Protein backbone atom coordinates (compact mmCIF):
# COMPACT_ATOMS: atom_id res chain seq x y z
CA UNK A 1 -32.68 -102.63 46.06
CA UNK A 2 -36.02 -103.18 44.33
CA UNK A 3 -37.71 -103.71 47.74
CA UNK A 4 -36.00 -100.67 49.26
CA UNK A 5 -37.39 -98.68 46.32
CA UNK A 6 -41.03 -99.89 46.59
CA UNK A 7 -40.97 -99.42 50.37
CA UNK A 8 -39.73 -95.81 49.83
CA UNK A 9 -42.28 -95.10 47.12
CA UNK A 10 -45.14 -96.29 49.23
CA UNK A 11 -44.19 -94.86 52.59
CA UNK A 12 -43.57 -91.28 51.19
CA UNK A 13 -46.73 -91.21 49.29
CA UNK A 14 -49.68 -89.69 51.13
CA UNK A 15 -51.09 -92.38 53.43
CA UNK A 16 -54.34 -93.70 52.25
CA UNK A 17 -56.44 -96.95 52.18
CA UNK A 18 -53.57 -99.12 50.61
CA UNK A 19 -51.13 -98.09 53.63
CA UNK A 20 -53.79 -98.64 56.17
CA UNK A 21 -54.61 -102.02 54.68
CA UNK A 22 -51.00 -102.99 54.66
CA UNK A 23 -50.75 -102.02 58.41
CA UNK A 24 -53.89 -103.87 59.35
CA UNK A 25 -52.99 -107.05 57.47
CA UNK A 26 -49.42 -107.05 58.44
CA UNK A 27 -48.03 -106.97 54.95
CA UNK A 28 -46.24 -103.66 55.52
CA UNK A 29 -44.37 -105.03 58.52
CA UNK A 30 -43.58 -108.25 56.58
CA UNK A 31 -41.95 -106.33 53.73
CA UNK A 32 -40.01 -104.21 56.09
CA UNK A 33 -38.93 -107.27 57.91
CA UNK A 34 -37.66 -108.61 54.77
CA UNK A 35 -35.85 -105.43 53.89
CA UNK A 36 -34.33 -105.24 57.38
CA UNK A 37 -33.62 -108.98 57.71
CA UNK A 38 -35.33 -109.23 60.95
CA UNK A 39 -38.71 -108.61 62.80
CA UNK A 40 -40.21 -105.23 62.64
CA UNK A 41 -42.96 -103.73 64.89
CA UNK A 42 -44.44 -100.37 63.75
CA UNK A 43 -46.30 -98.10 65.93
CA UNK A 44 -49.96 -98.19 64.97
CA UNK A 45 -52.04 -95.08 64.70
CA UNK A 46 -55.50 -94.39 63.20
CA UNK A 47 -55.27 -93.55 59.48
CA UNK A 48 -56.54 -89.91 60.20
CA UNK A 49 -53.58 -89.45 62.60
CA UNK A 50 -51.06 -90.77 59.96
CA UNK A 51 -52.48 -88.43 57.44
CA UNK A 52 -52.13 -85.40 59.80
CA UNK A 53 -48.60 -86.41 60.75
CA UNK A 54 -47.74 -86.85 56.97
CA UNK A 55 -49.09 -83.36 56.23
CA UNK A 56 -47.29 -81.76 59.19
CA UNK A 57 -43.98 -83.45 58.33
CA UNK A 58 -43.87 -83.31 54.59
CA UNK A 59 -46.65 -81.06 53.16
CA UNK A 60 -47.74 -78.06 55.19
CA UNK A 61 -46.98 -76.84 58.73
CA UNK A 62 -47.61 -73.46 60.36
CA UNK A 63 -44.03 -73.75 61.83
CA UNK A 64 -42.48 -74.71 58.46
CA UNK A 65 -42.24 -78.13 57.01
CA UNK A 66 -39.62 -80.02 58.89
CA UNK A 67 -38.86 -82.49 56.18
CA UNK A 68 -39.61 -81.40 52.58
CA UNK A 69 -39.78 -84.78 50.71
CA UNK A 70 -37.67 -83.63 47.85
CA UNK A 71 -34.19 -85.27 47.22
CA UNK A 72 -32.87 -82.37 45.25
CA UNK A 73 -33.76 -79.95 48.01
CA UNK A 74 -31.94 -82.06 50.60
CA UNK A 75 -28.72 -81.87 48.53
CA UNK A 76 -28.91 -78.28 47.27
CA UNK A 77 -31.19 -76.41 49.75
CA UNK A 78 -33.39 -75.34 46.87
CA UNK A 79 -36.17 -76.73 44.57
CA UNK A 80 -35.30 -77.40 41.00
CA UNK A 81 -31.47 -76.96 41.60
CA UNK A 82 -28.59 -78.81 40.13
CA UNK A 83 -29.41 -82.11 41.93
CA UNK A 84 -32.94 -82.02 40.57
CA UNK A 85 -31.70 -81.83 36.97
CA UNK A 86 -28.98 -84.49 37.73
CA UNK A 87 -31.76 -86.79 38.99
CA UNK A 88 -33.74 -86.26 35.84
CA UNK A 89 -30.77 -87.10 33.79
CA UNK A 90 -30.22 -90.37 35.74
CA UNK A 91 -33.94 -91.23 35.14
CA UNK A 92 -33.40 -90.70 31.43
CA UNK A 93 -30.22 -92.70 31.46
CA UNK A 94 -32.27 -95.52 33.05
CA UNK A 95 -35.02 -95.20 30.33
CA UNK A 96 -37.66 -93.77 32.79
CA UNK A 97 -40.00 -90.91 32.00
CA UNK A 98 -42.03 -88.99 34.37
CA UNK A 99 -45.69 -89.54 33.70
CA UNK A 100 -48.01 -86.85 32.96
CA UNK A 101 -50.36 -88.06 35.57
CA UNK A 102 -47.68 -87.56 38.34
CA UNK A 103 -48.71 -84.41 40.26
CA UNK A 104 -45.50 -83.57 42.19
CA UNK A 105 -41.93 -82.93 41.41
CA UNK A 106 -39.95 -85.87 40.02
CA UNK A 107 -37.50 -85.73 42.89
CA UNK A 108 -40.36 -86.37 45.50
CA UNK A 109 -39.21 -89.45 47.66
CA UNK A 110 -42.11 -91.46 46.34
CA UNK A 111 -41.03 -90.91 42.70
CA UNK A 112 -37.47 -91.62 43.69
CA UNK A 113 -38.36 -94.78 45.47
CA UNK A 114 -40.32 -96.00 42.45
CA UNK A 115 -37.44 -95.18 40.17
CA UNK A 116 -35.08 -97.22 42.31
CA UNK A 117 -37.55 -100.17 42.27
CA UNK A 118 -38.06 -99.92 38.41
CA UNK A 119 -34.38 -99.68 37.76
CA UNK A 120 -33.18 -102.44 40.19
CA UNK A 121 -33.90 -105.44 37.77
CA UNK A 122 -32.36 -103.94 34.70
CA UNK A 123 -30.03 -101.33 35.97
CA UNK A 124 -28.96 -102.10 39.50
CA UNK A 125 -26.01 -99.74 39.27
CA UNK A 126 -28.46 -96.78 38.73
CA UNK A 127 -30.92 -97.89 41.36
CA UNK A 128 -27.89 -97.99 43.91
CA UNK A 129 -26.69 -94.63 42.78
CA UNK A 130 -30.19 -93.19 43.32
CA UNK A 131 -30.16 -94.66 46.79
CA UNK A 132 -26.64 -93.50 47.65
CA UNK A 133 -26.69 -90.04 45.90
CA UNK A 134 -30.23 -89.02 46.61
CA UNK A 135 -32.10 -91.07 49.28
CA UNK A 136 -28.99 -91.20 51.68
CA UNK A 137 -28.55 -87.39 51.66
CA UNK A 138 -32.27 -86.83 52.26
CA UNK A 139 -32.21 -89.23 55.31
CA UNK A 140 -29.09 -87.54 56.60
CA UNK A 141 -30.46 -84.03 56.21
CA UNK A 142 -34.04 -84.59 57.32
CA UNK A 143 -34.14 -87.97 59.30
CA UNK A 144 -33.62 -86.40 62.59
CA UNK A 145 -36.36 -83.74 61.97
CA UNK A 146 -38.70 -86.56 61.10
CA UNK A 147 -37.91 -88.28 64.30
CA UNK A 148 -38.12 -84.98 66.37
CA UNK A 149 -41.55 -83.90 64.84
CA UNK A 150 -43.52 -87.10 64.30
CA UNK A 151 -46.35 -87.28 66.79
CA UNK A 152 -47.16 -90.85 65.89
CA UNK A 153 -43.79 -92.42 65.83
CA UNK A 154 -44.62 -94.20 62.57
CA UNK A 155 -42.57 -92.09 60.21
CA UNK A 156 -39.78 -91.92 62.73
CA UNK A 157 -39.60 -95.66 62.78
CA UNK A 158 -39.62 -95.75 59.08
CA UNK A 159 -36.71 -93.40 58.75
CA UNK A 160 -34.75 -95.64 61.07
CA UNK A 161 -35.53 -98.60 59.03
CA UNK A 162 -34.65 -96.77 55.75
CA UNK A 163 -31.37 -95.58 57.20
CA UNK A 164 -30.40 -99.11 58.18
CA UNK A 165 -31.44 -100.41 54.64
CA UNK A 166 -29.60 -97.62 52.73
CA UNK A 167 -26.39 -98.43 54.85
CA UNK A 168 -26.78 -102.16 54.18
CA UNK A 169 -27.43 -101.93 50.53
CA UNK A 170 -25.06 -99.07 49.56
CA UNK A 171 -22.54 -98.80 52.37
CA UNK A 172 -23.48 -95.17 53.03
CA UNK A 173 -23.34 -94.51 56.71
CA UNK A 174 -26.39 -93.40 58.65
CA UNK A 175 -26.67 -89.75 59.65
């Protein structure tokens, strides 16, 4: 569960030099292969194309953002709704706090992944609940949109891998 959390946290953060280095050095594919339990080959695109795809999929798009990266929104269809507050309560139950330096909502998939990773060693029950109750519903609601709108194939491949991993770790079926 810890590796699933770190992968989620890193892959739903805006792509930058660390992601690019991980792609170039093969460490990202190694981590994904460990998570999957078998070899992984990701589509490789220039960093600028990954950044443009990330923005169009998750941040800003003239046709509307196809996959808002907020777990609470995936569950409730609204930002700051009941699921958002439930997630904050689970963070608090696990002894986690949202850092003042965090510049997005605490239910952003990157924050959710980090919470899963941090909770896995000491509260595996909570880490699994986060995956089952928040990551899985996001994948179910927005996974197909990512696959349909990703011009690079990179994020589409990641969604497939995350769906497999969530199913393997929690028993929650893919979309």
